Amino acid sequence: MTQNVRARIFISGRVQGVFFRQNTRKKVRELGITGWVKNLANGRVEVLMEGEKDKVENLIEWLRKGPIIARVDGIEVFWEEYKGEFNDFVIKYD
């Protein structure tokens, strides 16, 4: 039986203006993960996602590098209680 998990990730570096959110959404849709990604005012990117543990871990490893034109300097991962509240993965603009 697969375990569903929820993770909130903060990525820092050159991660805005380099199609980080769009490439994250593309990768996530390949994996079947749900949640969202958004830019933060402090220059970081935040990802909140839910899915099967191995797929979420796979995406976290991808986020450590990001798309080819990005430069990831740091990543913080916070594990939260799985809620099953998302139906899709979207880019948030708030």
C-alpha atoms as a PDB file:
ATOM      1  CA  MET A   1       0.000   0.000   0.000  1.00  0.00           C
ATOM      2  CA  THR A   2       1.325   3.424  -0.931  1.00  0.00           C
ATOM      3  CA  GLN A   3       1.563   6.146   1.663  1.00  0.00           C
ATOM      4  CA  ASN A   4       0.252   9.615   0.809  1.00  0.00           C
ATOM      5  CA  VAL A   5       2.211  12.562   2.181  1.00  0.00           C
ATOM      6  CA  ARG A   6       2.133  16.346   2.172  1.00  0.00           C
ATOM      7  CA  ALA A   7       5.204  18.572   1.905  1.00  0.00           C
ATOM      8  CA  ARG A   8       5.757  22.336   1.899  1.00  0.00           C
ATOM      9  CA  ILE A   9       8.997  23.351   0.209  1.00  0.00           C
ATOM     10  CA  PHE A  10      10.777  26.701   0.005  1.00  0.00           C
ATOM     11  CA  ILE A  11      13.388  27.079  -2.749  1.00  0.00           C
ATOM     12  CA  SER A  12      15.910  29.935  -2.821  1.00  0.00           C
ATOM     13  CA  GLY A  13      18.403  31.098  -5.426  1.00  0.00           C
ATOM     14  CA  ARG A  14      17.760  32.305  -8.964  1.00  0.00           C
ATOM     15  CA  VAL A  15      14.309  30.746  -9.027  1.00  0.00           C
ATOM     16  CA  GLN A  16      12.087  33.581 -10.246  1.00  0.00           C
ATOM     17  CA  GLY A  17      11.995  34.721 -13.861  1.00  0.00           C
ATOM     18  CA  VAL A  18      13.472  31.402 -15.042  1.00  0.00           C
ATOM     19  CA  PHE A  19      10.233  29.447 -15.651  1.00  0.00           C
ATOM     20  CA  PHE A  20      10.642  27.600 -12.351  1.00  0.00           C
ATOM     21  CA  ARG A  21       6.907  27.451 -11.620  1.00  0.00           C
ATOM     22  CA  GLN A  22       5.985  26.322 -15.132  1.00  0.00           C
ATOM     23  CA  ASN A  23       8.640  23.600 -15.183  1.00  0.00           C
ATOM     24  CA  THR A  24       7.631  22.467 -11.695  1.00  0.00           C
ATOM     25  CA  ARG A  25       4.008  22.131 -12.839  1.00  0.00           C
ATOM     26  CA  LYS A  26       5.124  20.123 -15.881  1.00  0.00           C
ATOM     27  CA  LYS A  27       7.201  17.748 -13.729  1.00  0.00           C
ATOM     28  CA  VAL A  28       4.422  17.414 -11.156  1.00  0.00           C
ATOM     29  CA  ARG A  29       1.853  16.497 -13.784  1.00  0.00           C
ATOM     30  CA  GLU A  30       4.170  13.735 -15.030  1.00  0.00           C
ATOM     31  CA  LEU A  31       4.258  12.359 -11.479  1.00  0.00           C
ATOM     32  CA  GLY A  32       0.561  12.767 -10.621  1.00  0.00           C
ATOM     33  CA  ILE A  33       1.104  15.046  -7.623  1.00  0.00           C
ATOM     34  CA  THR A  34      -1.416  17.704  -6.559  1.00  0.00           C
ATOM     35  CA  GLY A  35      -1.024  21.100  -4.911  1.00  0.00           C
ATOM     36  CA  TRP A  36       0.389  24.450  -5.988  1.00  0.00           C
ATOM     37  CA  VAL A  37       3.515  26.533  -6.608  1.00  0.00           C
ATOM     38  CA  LYS A  38       3.970  30.291  -6.234  1.00  0.00           C
ATOM     39  CA  ASN A  39       6.584  33.039  -6.160  1.00  0.00           C
ATOM     40  CA  LEU A  40       7.163  34.767  -2.838  1.00  0.00           C
ATOM     41  CA  ALA A  41       7.918  38.465  -2.321  1.00  0.00           C
ATOM     42  CA  ASN A  42      11.330  37.576  -0.832  1.00  0.00           C
ATOM     43  CA  GLY A  43      12.504  35.998  -4.105  1.00  0.00           C
ATOM     44  CA  ARG A  44      11.898  32.388  -3.114  1.00  0.00           C
ATOM     45  CA  VAL A  45       9.453  29.884  -4.587  1.00  0.00           C
ATOM     46  CA  GLU A  46       7.024  27.943  -2.387  1.00  0.00           C
ATOM     47  CA  VAL A  47       5.558  24.555  -3.288  1.00  0.00           C
ATOM     48  CA  LEU A  48       2.785  22.798  -1.368  1.00  0.00           C
ATOM     49  CA  MET A  49       2.142  19.301  -2.651  1.00  0.00           C
ATOM     50  CA  GLU A  50       0.434  16.041  -1.822  1.00  0.00           C
ATOM     51  CA  GLY A  51       0.854  12.620  -3.336  1.00  0.00           C
ATOM     52  CA  GLU A  52       2.420   9.220  -3.004  1.00  0.00           C
ATOM     53  CA  LYS A  53       5.557   9.388  -0.857  1.00  0.00           C
ATOM     54  CA  ASP A  54       7.963   8.103  -3.524  1.00  0.00           C
ATOM     55  CA  LYS A  55       6.627  10.572  -6.102  1.00  0.00           C
ATOM     56  CA  VAL A  56       6.835  13.505  -3.674  1.00  0.00           C
ATOM     57  CA  GLU A  57      10.410  12.528  -2.803  1.00  0.00           C
ATOM     58  CA  ASN A  58      11.189  12.310  -6.534  1.00  0.00           C
ATOM     59  CA  LEU A  59       9.932  15.868  -7.026  1.00  0.00           C
ATOM     60  CA  ILE A  60      11.898  17.131  -4.023  1.00  0.00           C
ATOM     61  CA  GLU A  61      15.071  15.768  -5.623  1.00  0.00           C
ATOM     62  CA  TRP A  62      14.164  17.533  -8.889  1.00  0.00           C
ATOM     63  CA  LEU A  63      13.520  20.787  -6.981  1.00  0.00           C
ATOM     64  CA  ARG A  64      17.082  20.660  -5.591  1.00  0.00           C
ATOM     65  CA  LYS A  65      18.270  21.443  -9.143  1.00  0.00           C
ATOM     66  CA  GLY A  66      15.200  22.933 -10.833  1.00  0.00           C
ATOM     67  CA  PRO A  67      15.037  23.782 -14.527  1.00  0.00           C
ATOM     68  CA  ILE A  68      18.271  24.211 -16.441  1.00  0.00           C
ATOM     69  CA  ILE A  69      18.334  28.027 -16.327  1.00  0.00           C
ATOM     70  CA  ALA A  70      17.623  28.216 -12.592  1.00  0.00           C
ATOM     71  CA  ARG A  71      20.195  28.207  -9.800  1.00  0.00           C
ATOM     72  CA  VAL A  72      18.996  26.595  -6.586  1.00  0.00           C
ATOM     73  CA  ASP A  73      20.994  27.770  -3.564  1.00  0.00           C
ATOM     74  CA  GLY A  74      18.839  26.212  -0.866  1.00  0.00           C
ATOM     75  CA  ILE A  75      15.771  24.131  -0.228  1.00  0.00           C
ATOM     76  CA  GLU A  76      13.748  23.728   2.957  1.00  0.00           C
ATOM     77  CA  VAL A  77      11.297  20.829   3.279  1.00  0.00           C
ATOM     78  CA  PHE A  78       8.562  20.714   5.886  1.00  0.00           C
ATOM     79  CA  TRP A  79       6.442  17.578   6.196  1.00  0.00           C
ATOM     80  CA  GLU A  80       2.817  18.237   7.123  1.00  0.00           C
ATOM     81  CA  GLU A  81      -0.244  16.109   7.779  1.00  0.00           C
ATOM     82  CA  TYR A  82      -1.766  14.761   4.556  1.00  0.00           C
ATOM     83  CA  LYS A  83      -5.182  16.343   3.905  1.00  0.00           C
ATOM     84  CA  GLY A  84      -6.127  15.236   0.376  1.00  0.00           C
ATOM     85  CA  GLU A  85      -7.476  18.693  -0.404  1.00  0.00           C
ATOM     86  CA  PHE A  86      -6.216  19.220  -3.971  1.00  0.00           C
ATOM     87  CA  ASN A  87      -7.552  17.937  -7.305  1.00  0.00           C
ATOM     88  CA  ASP A  88      -4.830  19.343  -9.554  1.00  0.00           C
ATOM     89  CA  PHE A  89      -1.517  21.192  -9.435  1.00  0.00           C
ATOM     90  CA  VAL A  90      -1.696  24.910 -10.213  1.00  0.00           C
ATOM     91  CA  ILE A  91       0.440  28.012 -10.329  1.00  0.00           C
ATOM     92  CA  LYS A  92      -0.795  30.546  -7.768  1.00  0.00           C
ATOM     93  CA  TYR A  93      -0.427  34.250  -8.451  1.00  0.00           C
ATOM     94  CA  ASP A  94      -1.408  35.745  -5.087  1.00  0.00           C
END
